[in-house]
N, C-alpha and C. Protein backbone atom coordinates (compact mmCIF):
# COMPACT_ATOMS: atom_id res chain seq x y z
N UNK A 1 -1.85 5.04 6.38
CA UNK A 1 -0.53 3.52 6.92
C UNK A 1 -0.95 2.36 6.57
N UNK A 2 -0.84 1.42 6.06
CA UNK A 2 -1.26 0.31 5.94
C UNK A 2 -0.46 -0.73 6.81
N UNK A 3 -1.16 -1.77 7.63
CA UNK A 3 -0.06 -2.99 8.26
C UNK A 3 -0.37 -4.12 8.18
N UNK A 4 0.57 -5.27 7.84
CA UNK A 4 0.02 -6.15 7.51
C UNK A 4 1.12 -6.81 8.57
N UNK A 5 0.55 -8.63 8.72
CA UNK A 5 1.18 -9.14 9.96
C UNK A 5 1.17 -10.57 9.06
N UNK A 6 2.35 -11.46 9.54
CA UNK A 6 2.21 -13.11 8.74
C UNK A 6 3.24 -13.46 10.00
N UNK A 7 2.78 -14.95 9.57
CA UNK A 7 3.44 -15.35 10.70
C UNK A 7 3.66 -16.96 10.00
N UNK A 8 5.00 -17.61 10.57
CA UNK A 8 5.38 -18.83 9.97
C UNK A 8 6.28 -19.80 10.92
N UNK A 9 5.58 -20.77 11.02
CA UNK A 9 6.63 -21.56 12.15
C UNK A 9 7.51 -22.28 11.25
N UNK A 10 9.00 -22.12 11.42
CA UNK A 10 10.24 -22.57 10.54
C UNK A 10 10.93 -23.73 11.34
N UNK A 11 11.12 -25.11 11.41
CA UNK A 11 11.76 -25.95 11.86
C UNK A 11 13.28 -25.97 11.73
N UNK A 12 13.66 -24.79 12.54
CA UNK A 12 15.20 -25.31 12.35
C UNK A 12 15.53 -24.00 13.80
N UNK A 13 16.26 -23.83 14.40
CA UNK A 13 16.52 -23.16 15.95
C UNK A 13 16.66 -21.74 15.46
N UNK A 14 16.06 -20.93 16.25
CA UNK A 14 15.76 -19.72 17.09
C UNK A 14 17.38 -18.68 15.96
N UNK A 15 18.64 -19.15 16.44
CA UNK A 15 19.56 -18.39 16.21
C UNK A 15 20.13 -18.37 14.41
N UNK A 16 19.66 -19.87 14.15
CA UNK A 16 19.89 -20.39 12.87
C UNK A 16 19.26 -19.32 12.01
N UNK A 17 18.09 -19.38 12.15
CA UNK A 17 16.83 -18.61 11.38
C UNK A 17 17.09 -17.51 11.72
N UNK A 18 17.59 -16.60 12.51
CA UNK A 18 17.78 -14.92 12.51
C UNK A 18 19.44 -14.84 11.70
N UNK A 19 20.33 -15.79 11.84
CA UNK A 19 21.40 -15.52 10.95
C UNK A 19 21.38 -15.61 9.42
N UNK A 20 20.29 -16.28 9.50
CA UNK A 20 19.95 -16.58 7.83
C UNK A 20 19.24 -15.07 7.76
N UNK A 21 18.28 -14.74 8.07
CA UNK A 21 17.60 -13.40 8.16
C UNK A 21 18.30 -12.32 7.82
N UNK A 22 19.16 -12.07 8.73
CA UNK A 22 20.13 -11.24 8.06
C UNK A 22 21.70 -11.60 7.69
N UNK A 23 21.62 -12.15 6.90
CA UNK A 23 22.87 -12.72 6.00
C UNK A 23 22.55 -12.12 4.49
N UNK A 24 23.01 -10.80 4.40
CA UNK A 24 22.35 -9.75 3.20
C UNK A 24 22.65 -10.43 1.58
N UNK A 25 23.64 -11.32 1.83
CA UNK A 25 24.54 -11.85 0.78
C UNK A 25 23.22 -12.90 0.46
N UNK A 26 22.24 -13.55 1.16
CA UNK A 26 21.59 -14.38 0.70
C UNK A 26 19.58 -13.82 0.50
N UNK A 27 19.55 -12.89 0.94
CA UNK A 27 18.04 -12.30 0.94
C UNK A 27 17.20 -12.54 -0.30
N UNK A 28 18.38 -12.48 -1.82
CA UNK A 28 17.91 -12.30 -3.16
C UNK A 28 17.27 -13.93 -3.21
N UNK A 29 17.84 -15.01 -2.19
CA UNK A 29 17.09 -16.08 -2.32
C UNK A 29 15.77 -16.56 -2.09
N UNK A 30 15.04 -15.86 -1.13
CA UNK A 30 13.94 -16.11 -1.04
C UNK A 30 12.59 -14.62 -1.11
N UNK A 31 13.54 -13.01 -1.79
CA UNK A 31 12.84 -11.98 -2.20
C UNK A 31 12.83 -11.77 -3.51
N UNK A 32 11.32 -12.35 -4.23
CA UNK A 32 11.10 -11.99 -5.32
C UNK A 32 11.64 -11.06 -6.18
N UNK A 33 12.25 -10.85 -7.09
CA UNK A 33 12.90 -9.47 -7.81
C UNK A 33 13.81 -8.76 -7.31
N UNK A 34 14.00 -9.61 -5.85
CA UNK A 34 15.61 -8.45 -5.13
C UNK A 34 16.73 -9.26 -5.75
N UNK A 35 17.41 -8.30 -6.97
CA UNK A 35 18.39 -8.29 -7.28
C UNK A 35 20.39 -8.19 -6.93
N UNK A 36 20.25 -7.42 -5.99
CA UNK A 36 21.34 -7.34 -5.27
C UNK A 36 21.13 -6.32 -4.55
N UNK A 37 22.16 -6.56 -3.03
CA UNK A 37 22.33 -5.48 -1.95
C UNK A 37 23.89 -4.77 -2.05
N UNK A 38 23.40 -3.67 -2.19
CA UNK A 38 25.10 -2.80 -2.27
C UNK A 38 24.99 -1.80 -1.10
N UNK A 39 26.10 -0.86 -0.96
CA UNK A 39 26.12 0.02 -0.37
C UNK A 39 26.07 -0.52 1.20
N UNK A 40 26.46 -1.32 1.65
CA UNK A 40 26.49 -1.72 3.02
C UNK A 40 27.30 -0.92 3.99
N UNK A 41 26.81 -0.15 5.40
CA UNK A 41 27.73 0.29 5.97
C UNK A 41 28.25 -0.14 7.32
N UNK A 42 27.36 -1.49 6.88
CA UNK A 42 28.21 -2.05 9.20
C UNK A 42 27.55 -3.84 8.61
N UNK A 43 27.47 -4.71 9.93
CA UNK A 43 26.71 -5.18 10.32
C UNK A 43 25.07 -5.43 10.02
N UNK A 44 24.56 -6.19 9.84
CA UNK A 44 23.10 -6.72 9.00
C UNK A 44 22.15 -6.59 10.44
N UNK A 45 22.73 -6.87 11.71
CA UNK A 45 22.33 -6.86 13.07
C UNK A 45 22.39 -6.34 13.77
N UNK A 46 22.98 -4.93 13.29
CA UNK A 46 23.40 -3.68 14.33
C UNK A 46 22.28 -2.27 14.19
N UNK A 47 21.45 -1.40 14.92
CA UNK A 47 20.70 -0.57 14.45
C UNK A 47 22.42 0.62 13.61
N UNK A 48 21.06 0.92 13.24
CA UNK A 48 22.17 2.09 12.34
C UNK A 48 22.79 2.11 10.63
N UNK A 49 22.86 0.80 10.74
CA UNK A 49 23.47 -0.04 9.23
C UNK A 49 22.59 0.19 8.61
N UNK A 50 22.94 0.74 7.10
CA UNK A 50 22.02 1.21 6.00
C UNK A 50 22.79 0.38 4.50
N UNK A 51 21.81 0.19 3.93
CA UNK A 51 22.42 -0.98 2.78
C UNK A 51 21.13 -0.27 1.70
N UNK A 52 21.44 -0.42 0.18
CA UNK A 52 20.76 0.11 -0.87
C UNK A 52 19.99 -1.79 -1.27
N UNK A 53 18.51 -1.80 -1.04
CA UNK A 53 18.09 -3.12 -2.23
C UNK A 53 17.62 -3.17 -3.13
N UNK A 54 17.88 -3.56 -4.38
CA UNK A 54 17.85 -2.99 -5.70
C UNK A 54 16.36 -4.45 -6.08
N UNK A 55 16.07 -3.93 -6.90
CA UNK A 55 14.59 -4.86 -7.88
C UNK A 55 15.11 -4.13 -9.00
N UNK A 56 16.15 -4.78 -9.82
CA UNK A 56 16.04 -4.64 -10.98
C UNK A 56 16.29 -2.81 -11.25
N UNK A 57 15.91 -1.89 -11.65
CA UNK A 57 16.74 -0.51 -11.69
C UNK A 57 16.46 0.19 -10.40
N UNK A 58 15.21 -0.49 -9.71
CA UNK A 58 14.38 0.43 -9.04
C UNK A 58 15.63 0.13 -7.41
N UNK A 59 15.50 1.23 -6.76
CA UNK A 59 16.46 1.21 -5.78
C UNK A 59 15.69 1.43 -4.20
N UNK A 60 15.92 0.80 -2.82
CA UNK A 60 15.02 0.98 -1.89
C UNK A 60 15.82 0.72 -0.99
N UNK A 61 16.91 2.15 -0.31
CA UNK A 61 17.27 2.42 0.85
C UNK A 61 16.54 2.02 1.93
N UNK A 62 17.33 1.26 2.52
CA UNK A 62 17.17 0.61 3.40
C UNK A 62 18.12 0.87 4.79
N UNK A 63 17.06 1.27 6.01
CA UNK A 63 18.43 1.26 7.07
C UNK A 63 17.82 0.29 8.38
N UNK A 64 18.38 -0.09 9.13
CA UNK A 64 18.38 -1.23 10.69
C UNK A 64 17.95 -0.22 11.82
N UNK A 65 16.73 -0.07 12.10
CA UNK A 65 16.14 0.65 12.84
C UNK A 65 16.58 0.13 14.36
N UNK A 66 16.55 -1.11 14.40
CA UNK A 66 16.76 -1.88 16.00
C UNK A 66 17.03 -3.05 15.85
N UNK A 67 17.95 -4.05 16.50
CA UNK A 67 18.51 -5.18 15.96
C UNK A 67 18.58 -5.53 17.57
N UNK A 68 17.92 -6.76 17.90
CA UNK A 68 18.32 -7.75 19.08
C UNK A 68 18.64 -9.22 19.07
N UNK A 69 19.47 -9.12 18.82
CA UNK A 69 20.25 -11.14 18.45
C UNK A 69 19.90 -11.63 19.60
N UNK A 70 19.00 -12.99 18.77
CA UNK A 70 18.23 -13.30 17.69
C UNK A 70 17.05 -13.23 17.89
N UNK A 71 16.67 -12.17 18.11
CA UNK A 71 14.92 -12.04 18.60
C UNK A 71 14.21 -11.04 17.88
N UNK A 72 14.79 -9.36 17.27
CA UNK A 72 14.06 -8.83 16.44
C UNK A 72 15.21 -8.17 15.50
N UNK A 73 14.09 -7.91 14.32
CA UNK A 73 15.18 -7.18 13.31
C UNK A 73 14.18 -5.90 13.18
N UNK A 74 14.07 -4.49 12.83
CA UNK A 74 13.39 -3.55 12.56
C UNK A 74 14.13 -2.84 11.68
N UNK A 75 13.11 -2.50 10.33
CA UNK A 75 14.07 -1.55 9.17
C UNK A 75 12.82 -1.03 8.41
N UNK A 76 13.65 0.67 7.78
CA UNK A 76 13.09 1.02 7.64
C UNK A 76 13.44 1.37 5.69
N UNK A 77 11.91 0.48 5.07
CA UNK A 77 12.81 0.82 3.62
C UNK A 77 11.89 1.90 2.58
N UNK A 78 12.66 2.10 1.52
CA UNK A 78 11.46 3.03 0.63
C UNK A 78 11.82 2.80 -0.75
N UNK A 79 11.32 3.08 -1.42
CA UNK A 79 11.44 3.35 -2.90
C UNK A 79 9.91 3.92 -3.00
N UNK A 80 9.65 4.51 -4.64
CA UNK A 80 8.37 5.61 -5.10
C UNK A 80 7.45 4.24 -5.01
N UNK A 81 7.72 3.22 -4.86
CA UNK A 81 6.97 2.15 -5.32
C UNK A 81 6.43 1.01 -3.98
N UNK A 82 7.17 1.11 -3.12
CA UNK A 82 7.02 0.58 -1.93
C UNK A 82 7.78 0.90 -0.77
N UNK A 83 7.44 1.71 0.27
CA UNK A 83 8.11 2.50 1.61
C UNK A 83 7.29 2.15 2.78
N UNK A 84 7.85 2.10 3.65
CA UNK A 84 7.62 1.85 5.21
C UNK A 84 8.71 1.26 6.22
N UNK A 85 7.87 0.77 6.87
CA UNK A 85 8.47 -0.05 8.21
C UNK A 85 8.53 -1.81 8.30
N UNK A 86 9.37 -2.52 8.30
CA UNK A 86 8.77 -3.77 8.49
C UNK A 86 9.69 -4.72 9.47
N UNK A 87 9.26 -5.73 10.53
CA UNK A 87 9.57 -5.93 11.56
C UNK A 87 9.54 -7.40 11.60
N UNK A 88 10.80 -8.46 12.30
CA UNK A 88 10.52 -9.63 12.15
C UNK A 88 11.01 -9.73 13.65
N UNK A 89 10.40 -10.73 13.91
CA UNK A 89 10.57 -11.42 15.04
C UNK A 89 10.57 -12.87 15.23
N UNK A 90 11.72 -13.22 15.85
CA UNK A 90 12.02 -14.64 16.18
C UNK A 90 11.91 -15.25 17.16
N UNK A 91 10.90 -15.90 17.72
CA UNK A 91 10.58 -16.48 19.15
C UNK A 91 10.67 -17.83 19.13
N UNK A 92 11.33 -18.66 20.10
CA UNK A 92 11.54 -20.37 20.14
C UNK A 92 9.86 -21.05 20.17
N UNK A 93 9.19 -22.03 19.65
CA UNK A 93 8.53 -22.53 19.36
C UNK A 93 8.80 -23.66 19.07
N UNK A 94 8.69 -24.61 20.01
CA UNK A 94 8.54 -26.23 20.34
C UNK A 94 10.77 -26.21 20.23
N UNK A 95 10.82 -27.26 19.15
CA UNK A 95 11.77 -27.30 18.36
C UNK A 95 12.44 -26.41 17.57
N UNK A 96 11.43 -25.40 17.30
CA UNK A 96 11.80 -24.37 16.00
C UNK A 96 11.77 -22.99 16.37
N UNK A 97 11.18 -22.12 15.19
CA UNK A 97 10.90 -21.03 15.63
C UNK A 97 9.86 -20.29 14.75
N UNK A 98 9.01 -19.48 15.59
CA UNK A 98 7.89 -18.58 15.21
C UNK A 98 8.76 -17.34 14.83
N UNK A 99 8.56 -17.47 13.02
CA UNK A 99 8.67 -15.83 12.75
C UNK A 99 8.12 -15.13 12.23
N UNK A 100 7.65 -14.18 12.76
CA UNK A 100 6.75 -13.27 12.60
C UNK A 100 6.82 -11.62 11.67
N UNK A 101 6.62 -11.38 10.76
CA UNK A 101 6.68 -10.18 10.00
C UNK A 101 5.96 -9.73 9.89
N UNK A 102 6.22 -8.05 10.06
CA UNK A 102 4.97 -7.15 9.80
C UNK A 102 5.43 -5.71 8.85
N UNK A 103 4.73 -5.05 8.22
CA UNK A 103 4.89 -4.41 7.37
C UNK A 103 4.07 -3.18 8.22
N UNK A 104 4.70 -1.81 7.89
CA UNK A 104 3.66 -0.32 8.28
C UNK A 104 4.34 -0.09 6.83
N UNK A 105 3.07 0.47 5.78
CA UNK A 105 3.46 1.28 4.81
C UNK A 105 3.08 2.97 4.96
N UNK A 106 3.83 3.37 3.99
CA UNK A 106 3.34 4.99 4.42
C UNK A 106 3.20 5.43 2.61
N UNK A 107 2.32 5.86 2.74
CA UNK A 107 1.83 6.88 1.25
C UNK A 107 0.88 5.67 0.89
N UNK A 108 0.14 7.01 0.04
CA UNK A 108 -0.86 5.83 -1.11
C UNK A 108 -0.70 4.98 -1.56
N UNK A 109 0.29 5.11 -2.83
CA UNK A 109 0.96 4.42 -3.96
C UNK A 109 1.25 2.85 -2.83
N UNK A 110 2.02 3.04 -2.17
CA UNK A 110 2.90 2.15 -1.34
C UNK A 110 1.80 1.15 -0.79
N UNK A 111 0.48 1.43 0.14
CA UNK A 111 -0.26 1.11 0.70
C UNK A 111 -1.13 0.23 -0.59
N UNK A 112 -1.62 0.59 -1.49
CA UNK A 112 -2.32 -0.15 -2.93
C UNK A 112 -1.11 -1.67 -2.74
N UNK A 113 0.33 -0.86 -3.11
CA UNK A 113 1.51 -1.89 -3.56
C UNK A 113 1.16 -2.92 -2.33
N UNK A 114 1.34 -2.61 -1.35
CA UNK A 114 1.82 -3.32 0.01
C UNK A 114 0.44 -4.24 0.06
N UNK A 115 -0.90 -3.74 -0.34
CA UNK A 115 -2.25 -5.07 -0.16
C UNK A 115 -1.80 -5.77 -1.04
N UNK A 116 -1.72 -5.32 -2.54
CA UNK A 116 -1.17 -6.59 -3.47
C UNK A 116 -0.44 -7.56 -2.97
N UNK A 117 0.59 -7.21 -2.64
CA UNK A 117 1.82 -8.18 -2.00
C UNK A 117 1.17 -9.06 -0.80
N UNK A 118 0.26 -8.07 0.02
CA UNK A 118 0.28 -8.98 1.49
C UNK A 118 -1.22 -9.56 0.80
N UNK A 119 -1.81 -9.77 -0.54
CA UNK A 119 -2.56 -10.61 -0.61
C UNK A 119 -2.17 -11.35 -1.30
N UNK A 120 -2.89 -13.22 -1.09
CA UNK A 120 -2.83 -14.43 -1.42
C UNK A 120 -1.14 -14.86 -0.92
N UNK A 121 -0.48 -16.52 -1.44
CA UNK A 121 0.78 -16.69 -1.23
C UNK A 121 1.58 -16.84 -2.19
N UNK A 122 1.35 -16.47 -3.48
CA UNK A 122 2.10 -16.48 -4.62
C UNK A 122 4.06 -16.64 -4.49
N UNK A 123 4.37 -16.71 -5.01
CA UNK A 123 5.83 -16.36 -4.85
C UNK A 123 6.16 -15.15 -4.73
N UNK A 124 6.22 -13.93 -5.03
CA UNK A 124 6.57 -12.87 -4.97
C UNK A 124 5.72 -12.17 -3.48
N UNK A 125 4.39 -12.56 -2.91
CA UNK A 125 3.94 -11.78 -1.86
C UNK A 125 4.75 -11.93 -0.98
N UNK A 126 4.13 -11.39 0.31
CA UNK A 126 4.99 -11.55 1.13
C UNK A 126 4.83 -12.56 2.04
N UNK A 127 3.46 -13.17 1.85
CA UNK A 127 3.52 -14.64 2.80
C UNK A 127 4.48 -15.47 1.85
N UNK A 128 4.06 -15.39 0.33
CA UNK A 128 5.19 -16.52 -0.33
C UNK A 128 6.86 -16.07 -0.02
N UNK A 129 6.84 -15.02 0.18
CA UNK A 129 8.12 -15.13 0.41
C UNK A 129 8.84 -15.39 1.92
N UNK A 130 7.65 -15.20 2.89
CA UNK A 130 8.06 -15.75 4.14
C UNK A 130 7.89 -17.35 4.02
N UNK A 131 7.23 -17.95 3.57
CA UNK A 131 7.31 -19.33 3.25
C UNK A 131 8.53 -19.87 2.64
N UNK A 132 8.78 -19.28 1.54
CA UNK A 132 10.16 -19.63 0.67
C UNK A 132 11.20 -19.65 1.53
N UNK A 133 11.49 -18.39 2.78
CA UNK A 133 12.33 -18.25 3.64
C UNK A 133 12.38 -19.62 4.45
N UNK A 134 11.22 -19.85 5.04
CA UNK A 134 10.95 -20.93 5.77
C UNK A 134 11.58 -22.59 5.36
N UNK A 135 11.49 -22.56 4.10
CA UNK A 135 11.41 -23.93 3.42
C UNK A 135 13.15 -23.86 3.42
N UNK A 136 13.54 -22.46 2.67
CA UNK A 136 15.09 -22.62 2.75
C UNK A 136 15.89 -22.64 4.23
N UNK A 137 15.44 -22.24 5.01
CA UNK A 137 15.61 -22.29 6.68
C UNK A 137 16.32 -23.62 7.03
N UNK A 138 14.95 -24.36 6.72
CA UNK A 138 14.57 -25.71 6.93
C UNK A 138 15.51 -26.80 6.79
N UNK A 139 15.69 -26.47 5.01
CA UNK A 139 16.34 -27.37 4.65
C UNK A 139 18.03 -27.18 5.13
N UNK A 140 18.43 -25.89 5.34
CA UNK A 140 19.55 -26.00 5.72
C UNK A 140 19.75 -26.38 6.94
N UNK A 141 18.73 -26.05 7.89
CA UNK A 141 18.56 -26.78 9.61
C UNK A 141 18.64 -27.97 9.51
N UNK A 142 18.03 -28.89 8.72
CA UNK A 142 18.32 -30.46 8.61
C UNK A 142 19.53 -30.86 8.06
N UNK A 143 20.13 -30.26 7.58
CA UNK A 143 21.96 -30.18 7.09
C UNK A 143 22.82 -30.45 7.74
N UNK A 144 22.02 -29.49 8.72
CA UNK A 144 22.98 -28.94 9.90
C UNK A 144 23.04 -29.81 11.04
N UNK A 145 22.37 -30.93 11.00
CA UNK A 145 22.05 -31.78 12.24
C UNK A 145 22.84 -33.16 12.34
């Protein structure tokens, strides 16, 4: 099982950052290749909610394992290409939020793919997507002030 951890400071209030993170309609704005989310069974900030994340024709069934507004969201996700658990924690950090995302992958192919996505900060990498999210949240935070 591979483990990857990334942290970013977001210049926006924690509740606002959490709300954007759990807005499933907005997730394709920062996750490269995510085309849509379907079959949502409940609120995205509640344990037990399930949905399908689509990357083109590749489906990734996802389940919220744990959620504690505005502090934590933990999910299990999976496709043949990439599967495992991800956890996002939101902590107050001065006037903003420290957002930490961790990935634990299952299997050899997912571990290799996760290593590729964990390396560097290009747009489709885990770090690149986290940075894209932070910029989006900060832009929206400034417009709400």
